Structures are given as structure tokens and as C-alpha cells.
C-alpha atoms as a PDB file:
ATOM      1  CA  MET A   1       3.460 -18.763   1.106  1.00  0.00           C
ATOM      2  CA  TYR A   2       2.674 -15.329   0.455  1.00  0.00           C
ATOM      3  CA  ALA A   3      -0.395 -12.517   1.549  1.00  0.00           C
ATOM      4  CA  VAL A   4      -1.015  -9.299  -0.321  1.00  0.00           C
ATOM      5  CA  ILE A   5      -0.844  -6.284   2.053  1.00  0.00           C
ATOM      6  CA  ARG A   6      -2.354  -2.739   1.146  1.00  0.00           C
ATOM      7  CA  THR A   7      -0.542  -0.085   2.913  1.00  0.00           C
ATOM      8  CA  GLY A   8       0.066   3.835   1.982  1.00  0.00           C
ATOM      9  CA  GLY A   9      -2.614   3.096  -1.025  1.00  0.00           C
ATOM     10  CA  LYS A  10      -0.696   0.476  -2.828  1.00  0.00           C
ATOM     11  CA  GLN A  11      -0.726  -3.485  -2.508  1.00  0.00           C
ATOM     12  CA  TYR A  12       2.724  -5.449  -1.669  1.00  0.00           C
ATOM     13  CA  ARG A  13       2.962  -8.922  -2.701  1.00  0.00           C
ATOM     14  CA  VAL A  14       5.105 -10.113   0.629  1.00  0.00           C
ATOM     15  CA  ALA A  15       6.448 -13.590   1.948  1.00  0.00           C
ATOM     16  CA  PRO A  16       8.077 -14.464   5.325  1.00  0.00           C
ATOM     17  CA  GLY A  17      11.924 -13.498   4.765  1.00  0.00           C
ATOM     18  CA  ASP A  18      11.373 -10.407   2.276  1.00  0.00           C
ATOM     19  CA  VAL A  19      12.105  -6.907   2.322  1.00  0.00           C
ATOM     20  CA  VAL A  20      10.026  -4.728   1.366  1.00  0.00           C
ATOM     21  CA  LYS A  21      10.215  -0.552   0.448  1.00  0.00           C
ATOM     22  CA  ILE A  22       6.770   0.683   1.277  1.00  0.00           C
ATOM     23  CA  GLU A  23       5.503   4.372   2.114  1.00  0.00           C
ATOM     24  CA  SER A  24       6.901   5.915   5.353  1.00  0.00           C
ATOM     25  CA  VAL A  25       5.216   4.935   8.266  1.00  0.00           C
ATOM     26  CA  VAL A  26       5.444   6.039  11.759  1.00  0.00           C
ATOM     27  CA  SER A  27       7.167   3.299  13.703  1.00  0.00           C
ATOM     28  CA  ASP A  28       7.293   2.927  17.127  1.00  0.00           C
ATOM     29  CA  GLU A  29       9.955   2.318  19.716  1.00  0.00           C
ATOM     30  CA  ASN A  30      10.312  -1.509  18.969  1.00  0.00           C
ATOM     31  CA  GLN A  31      11.198  -1.176  15.675  1.00  0.00           C
ATOM     32  CA  THR A  32       8.223  -4.344  14.648  1.00  0.00           C
ATOM     33  CA  ILE A  33       5.067  -3.244  12.202  1.00  0.00           C
ATOM     34  CA  GLU A  34       1.938  -4.857  11.949  1.00  0.00           C
ATOM     35  CA  PHE A  35      -0.194  -4.928   8.801  1.00  0.00           C
ATOM     36  CA  SER A  36      -3.904  -6.341   9.062  1.00  0.00           C
ATOM     37  CA  ASP A  37      -5.260  -4.740   5.973  1.00  0.00           C
ATOM     38  CA  VAL A  38      -4.526  -8.357   4.901  1.00  0.00           C
ATOM     39  CA  LEU A  39      -6.248  -8.982   1.358  1.00  0.00           C
ATOM     40  CA  ALA A  40      -5.210 -12.562   0.509  1.00  0.00           C
ATOM     41  CA  VAL A  41      -3.270 -14.437   1.366  1.00  0.00           C
ATOM     42  CA  SER A  42      -1.689 -18.309  -0.292  1.00  0.00           C
ATOM     43  CA  GLY A  43      -1.018 -21.327   2.458  1.00  0.00           C
ATOM     44  CA  GLU A  44      -0.640 -23.567  -0.389  1.00  0.00           C
ATOM     45  CA  PRO A  45       0.604 -23.589  -3.791  1.00  0.00           C
ATOM     46  CA  GLY A  46      -2.254 -22.791  -6.039  1.00  0.00           C
ATOM     47  CA  THR A  47      -4.574 -21.265  -3.322  1.00  0.00           C
ATOM     48  CA  VAL A  48      -5.438 -18.528  -2.824  1.00  0.00           C
ATOM     49  CA  ALA A  49      -8.013 -16.843  -0.009  1.00  0.00           C
ATOM     50  CA  LYS A  50      -9.783 -14.001   1.981  1.00  0.00           C
ATOM     51  CA  PRO A  51      -8.810 -15.391   5.527  1.00  0.00           C
ATOM     52  CA  SER A  52     -11.187 -14.160   8.278  1.00  0.00           C
ATOM     53  CA  THR A  53      -8.424 -12.499  10.931  1.00  0.00           C
ATOM     54  CA  ALA A  54      -4.701 -12.095   9.166  1.00  0.00           C
ATOM     55  CA  LYS A  55      -1.919  -9.685   9.815  1.00  0.00           C
ATOM     56  CA  VAL A  56       1.415  -9.372   8.702  1.00  0.00           C
ATOM     57  CA  ILE A  57       4.454  -8.623  11.128  1.00  0.00           C
ATOM     58  CA  ALA A  58       7.198  -6.938  10.008  1.00  0.00           C
ATOM     59  CA  GLU A  59      10.598  -5.278  11.085  1.00  0.00           C
ATOM     60  CA  VAL A  60      11.988  -1.683  10.246  1.00  0.00           C
ATOM     61  CA  MET A  61      15.426  -1.960   8.454  1.00  0.00           C
ATOM     62  CA  GLY A  62      15.182   1.567   8.222  1.00  0.00           C
ATOM     63  CA  GLU A  63      14.315   4.873   5.776  1.00  0.00           C
ATOM     64  CA  GLY A  64      15.401   6.515   2.968  1.00  0.00           C
ATOM     65  CA  ARG A  65      14.775   8.365  -0.079  1.00  0.00           C
ATOM     66  CA  GLY A  66      14.218   7.179  -3.693  1.00  0.00           C
ATOM     67  CA  ASP A  67      16.193   8.099  -6.914  1.00  0.00           C
ATOM     68  CA  LYS A  68      15.286  12.045  -7.961  1.00  0.00           C
ATOM     69  CA  ILE A  69      12.333  11.845 -10.691  1.00  0.00           C
ATOM     70  CA  LEU A  70      12.426  15.007 -12.537  1.00  0.00           C
ATOM     71  CA  VAL A  71       9.507  16.843 -14.026  1.00  0.00           C
ATOM     72  CA  PHE A  72       9.561  19.172 -17.087  1.00  0.00           C
ATOM     73  CA  HIS A  73       7.007  21.130 -18.631  1.00  0.00           C
ATOM     74  CA  LEU A  74       6.977  23.112 -22.058  1.00  0.00           C
ATOM     75  CA  LYS A  75       4.943  24.874 -23.552  1.00  0.00           C
ATOM     76  CA  ARG A  76       6.092  25.257 -27.004  1.00  0.00           C
ATOM     77  CA  LYS A  77       6.322  28.957 -28.598  1.00  0.00           C
ATOM     78  CA  LYS A  78       6.133  30.644 -25.503  1.00  0.00           C
ATOM     79  CA  GLN A  79       9.347  30.673 -24.084  1.00  0.00           C
ATOM     80  CA  TYR A  80       7.889  28.756 -20.733  1.00  0.00           C
ATOM     81  CA  LYS A  81      10.087  25.578 -19.521  1.00  0.00           C
ATOM     82  CA  LYS A  82      10.064  24.309 -15.886  1.00  0.00           C
ATOM     83  CA  LEU A  83      11.807  21.734 -14.174  1.00  0.00           C
ATOM     84  CA  GLN A  84      11.170  20.602 -10.989  1.00  0.00           C
ATOM     85  CA  GLY A  85      12.569  17.301  -8.962  1.00  0.00           C
ATOM     86  CA  HIS A  86      11.108  14.853  -6.438  1.00  0.00           C
ATOM     87  CA  ARG A  87      12.374  12.216  -3.640  1.00  0.00           C
ATOM     88  CA  GLN A  88       9.759  10.046  -2.301  1.00  0.00           C
ATOM     89  CA  ASN A  89      10.349   9.118   1.066  1.00  0.00           C
ATOM     90  CA  PHE A  90      10.431   5.194   1.763  1.00  0.00           C
ATOM     91  CA  THR A  91      10.248   3.092   4.964  1.00  0.00           C
ATOM     92  CA  GLU A  92      12.421  -0.355   4.422  1.00  0.00           C
ATOM     93  CA  VAL A  93      10.667  -3.229   6.531  1.00  0.00           C
ATOM     94  CA  ARG A  94      11.459  -7.291   6.593  1.00  0.00           C
ATOM     95  CA  ILE A  95       8.746  -9.402   6.840  1.00  0.00           C
ATOM     96  CA  LYS A  96       9.006 -11.935   9.782  1.00  0.00           C
ATOM     97  CA  ALA A  97       5.942 -13.769  10.524  1.00  0.00           C
ATOM     98  CA  ILE A  98       2.493 -14.161   8.498  1.00  0.00           C
ATOM     99  CA  GLU A  99      -0.388 -15.172  10.618  1.00  0.00           C
ATOM    100  CA  ALA A 100      -4.093 -16.376   9.063  1.00  0.00           C
ATOM    101  CA  ASP A 101      -6.805 -18.189  11.017  1.00  0.00           C
ATOM    102  CA  GLY A 102      -4.579 -19.143  13.828  1.00  0.00           C
ATOM    103  CA  VAL A 103      -1.600 -20.300  11.972  1.00  0.00           C
ATOM    104  CA  THR A 104       1.864 -18.479  11.749  1.00  0.00           C
ATOM    105  CA  TYR A 105       4.013 -18.982   8.726  1.00  0.00           C
ATOM    106  CA  SER A 106       7.765 -17.570   9.446  1.00  0.00           C
ATOM    107  CA  ALA A 107      10.606 -17.269   7.586  1.00  0.00           C
ATOM    108  CA  ALA A 108      13.338 -20.429   7.930  1.00  0.00           C
END
């Protein structure tokens, strides 16, 4: 059982019990997030369908910053060099349950 969700401009394939690093989201006090933008759900092996009503429930495990990415610009013969670093913020979540068309799939 898995679902494809869209959050932060990216798509993720998630299953109950998975731990996923997504773009930073604002979490509330109870540390649960509900993803309602579900693109596809696979209930049985070999079938993928677009459900009429579906949501994915996840709990926030923590927040952090990714590895540093170095961006280097060089213009030949002009004595121009520029080095810039970037670290992207992320939120780590654990998928608790997938609810699609009244059926709930949860981690074992």
C-alpha cells in the first residue's frame, strides 16, 4: 500500500511507516500534519487509482538543514570567481496512515 502526495512543489511516494524529509512546513502544537493533495493511491499490488477522497496523516519527527551545496561561478579570462553556499531547510515526518475512500491503511 502506498500513495503519491504533492507538497512543497515536489511529489513523494509514501507508505505507512516511512520516514520522509520534505520541504519545511509549519507544524501545529499536536505535531501532526495532514496532506490532502493525494495524486494516486495503490491499494492492491499492481493497481494505481486516483481516489475521490484521500488524505495522508503524518507526525513530525524533527526539523533540520540539508547538506551544503556549493555554487561556483567563473568567467574565463576576466578574473571573476564567486563561491556561494546553500543549505535547504527540511521537516522530517513519519507517515502514520493513509485514508482513501473510507478505507484506512496504517503502519503495522
